[in-house]
Amino acid sequence: MPEFDKNIDVNYQYKLNGIYNEWSSLSETPYVNLNNLPFGDYTFEVRSVGAFKYGVHNSTQLEFKVLPSFTQT
């Protein structure tokens, strides 16, 4: 079982399939703002880099839908 050390530098990368298809630049910020997305289905992926001192990439994804506004229906 890996040991966690709060002094480890963790960086993050994300992509939003259909909008940002390539991984973002590395960032220490553990969040991202996604504004003004057109309606549709999306898969957001995020991964950590360097979490266990070995460059292991832990990733996860979240599928979500942006509904059209009432003026678009």
C-alpha atoms as a PDB file:
ATOM      1  CA  MET A   1       0.000   0.000   0.000  1.00  0.00           C
ATOM      2  CA  PRO A   2       1.473   3.397  -0.945  1.00  0.00           C
ATOM      3  CA  GLU A   3       2.313   5.844   1.790  1.00  0.00           C
ATOM      4  CA  PHE A   4       0.944   9.348   1.406  1.00  0.00           C
ATOM      5  CA  ASP A   5       3.132  12.327   2.138  1.00  0.00           C
ATOM      6  CA  LYS A   6       1.512  15.756   2.186  1.00  0.00           C
ATOM      7  CA  ASN A   7       4.830  17.306   1.102  1.00  0.00           C
ATOM      8  CA  ILE A   8       4.728  15.587  -2.293  1.00  0.00           C
ATOM      9  CA  ASP A   9       4.270  17.938  -5.232  1.00  0.00           C
ATOM     10  CA  VAL A  10       1.145  16.906  -7.100  1.00  0.00           C
ATOM     11  CA  ASN A  11       0.274  18.427 -10.449  1.00  0.00           C
ATOM     12  CA  TYR A  12      -2.888  17.968 -12.462  1.00  0.00           C
ATOM     13  CA  GLN A  13      -3.867  17.800 -16.100  1.00  0.00           C
ATOM     14  CA  TYR A  14      -7.319  17.724 -17.618  1.00  0.00           C
ATOM     15  CA  LYS A  15      -9.116  17.427 -20.917  1.00  0.00           C
ATOM     16  CA  LEU A  16     -12.725  17.787 -21.941  1.00  0.00           C
ATOM     17  CA  ASN A  17     -13.405  15.517 -24.884  1.00  0.00           C
ATOM     18  CA  GLY A  18     -15.004  17.427 -27.738  1.00  0.00           C
ATOM     19  CA  ILE A  19     -13.626  20.797 -26.560  1.00  0.00           C
ATOM     20  CA  TYR A  20     -10.091  20.258 -25.200  1.00  0.00           C
ATOM     21  CA  ASN A  21      -8.983  16.971 -26.748  1.00  0.00           C
ATOM     22  CA  GLU A  22      -5.352  17.256 -25.637  1.00  0.00           C
ATOM     23  CA  TRP A  23      -4.152  17.154 -22.024  1.00  0.00           C
ATOM     24  CA  SER A  24      -3.753  20.610 -20.498  1.00  0.00           C
ATOM     25  CA  SER A  25      -0.432  21.907 -19.224  1.00  0.00           C
ATOM     26  CA  LEU A  26       0.557  20.719 -15.756  1.00  0.00           C
ATOM     27  CA  SER A  27      -0.923  22.813 -12.953  1.00  0.00           C
ATOM     28  CA  GLU A  28      -0.832  22.736  -9.159  1.00  0.00           C
ATOM     29  CA  THR A  29      -4.427  24.017  -9.106  1.00  0.00           C
ATOM     30  CA  PRO A  30      -6.798  21.140  -8.251  1.00  0.00           C
ATOM     31  CA  TYR A  31      -9.796  22.640 -10.082  1.00  0.00           C
ATOM     32  CA  VAL A  32     -10.775  24.132 -13.436  1.00  0.00           C
ATOM     33  CA  ASN A  33     -13.571  26.483 -14.494  1.00  0.00           C
ATOM     34  CA  LEU A  34     -15.409  25.501 -17.661  1.00  0.00           C
ATOM     35  CA  ASN A  35     -17.617  28.420 -18.682  1.00  0.00           C
ATOM     36  CA  ASN A  36     -20.014  28.893 -21.599  1.00  0.00           C
ATOM     37  CA  LEU A  37     -19.986  25.307 -22.810  1.00  0.00           C
ATOM     38  CA  PRO A  38     -22.357  24.640 -25.694  1.00  0.00           C
ATOM     39  CA  PHE A  39     -25.098  22.163 -24.879  1.00  0.00           C
ATOM     40  CA  GLY A  40     -24.199  18.534 -25.413  1.00  0.00           C
ATOM     41  CA  ASP A  41     -22.639  15.468 -23.818  1.00  0.00           C
ATOM     42  CA  TYR A  42     -19.133  15.679 -22.377  1.00  0.00           C
ATOM     43  CA  THR A  43     -16.499  13.516 -20.743  1.00  0.00           C
ATOM     44  CA  PHE A  44     -14.164  15.391 -18.402  1.00  0.00           C
ATOM     45  CA  GLU A  45     -10.895  13.624 -17.577  1.00  0.00           C
ATOM     46  CA  VAL A  46      -8.381  14.602 -14.925  1.00  0.00           C
ATOM     47  CA  ARG A  47      -5.136  12.982 -13.858  1.00  0.00           C
ATOM     48  CA  SER A  48      -2.532  13.543 -11.181  1.00  0.00           C
ATOM     49  CA  VAL A  49       1.137  13.542 -12.012  1.00  0.00           C
ATOM     50  CA  GLY A  50       3.874  12.762  -9.505  1.00  0.00           C
ATOM     51  CA  ALA A  51       1.533  11.693  -6.725  1.00  0.00           C
ATOM     52  CA  PHE A  52       3.750   8.831  -5.490  1.00  0.00           C
ATOM     53  CA  LYS A  53       7.197  10.212  -6.377  1.00  0.00           C
ATOM     54  CA  TYR A  54       7.348   7.886  -9.377  1.00  0.00           C
ATOM     55  CA  GLY A  55       5.413   9.878 -11.963  1.00  0.00           C
ATOM     56  CA  VAL A  56       2.405   7.585 -11.695  1.00  0.00           C
ATOM     57  CA  HIS A  57      -0.651   9.005 -13.432  1.00  0.00           C
ATOM     58  CA  ASN A  58      -3.888   8.395 -11.584  1.00  0.00           C
ATOM     59  CA  SER A  59      -6.832   9.384 -13.719  1.00  0.00           C
ATOM     60  CA  THR A  60     -10.581   9.515 -13.491  1.00  0.00           C
ATOM     61  CA  GLN A  61     -13.380  10.716 -15.698  1.00  0.00           C
ATOM     62  CA  LEU A  62     -16.808  12.227 -15.300  1.00  0.00           C
ATOM     63  CA  GLU A  63     -19.534  12.180 -17.922  1.00  0.00           C
ATOM     64  CA  PHE A  64     -22.061  15.015 -17.874  1.00  0.00           C
ATOM     65  CA  LYS A  65     -24.613  16.762 -20.057  1.00  0.00           C
ATOM     66  CA  VAL A  66     -25.181  20.485 -20.583  1.00  0.00           C
ATOM     67  CA  LEU A  67     -28.830  21.094 -21.436  1.00  0.00           C
ATOM     68  CA  PRO A  68     -29.887  23.814 -23.874  1.00  0.00           C
ATOM     69  CA  SER A  69     -31.226  27.015 -22.361  1.00  0.00           C
ATOM     70  CA  PHE A  70     -34.952  27.671 -22.669  1.00  0.00           C
ATOM     71  CA  THR A  71     -34.258  30.063 -25.586  1.00  0.00           C
ATOM     72  CA  GLN A  72     -32.588  27.231 -27.526  1.00  0.00           C
ATOM     73  CA  THR A  73     -35.499  24.796 -27.315  1.00  0.00           C
END
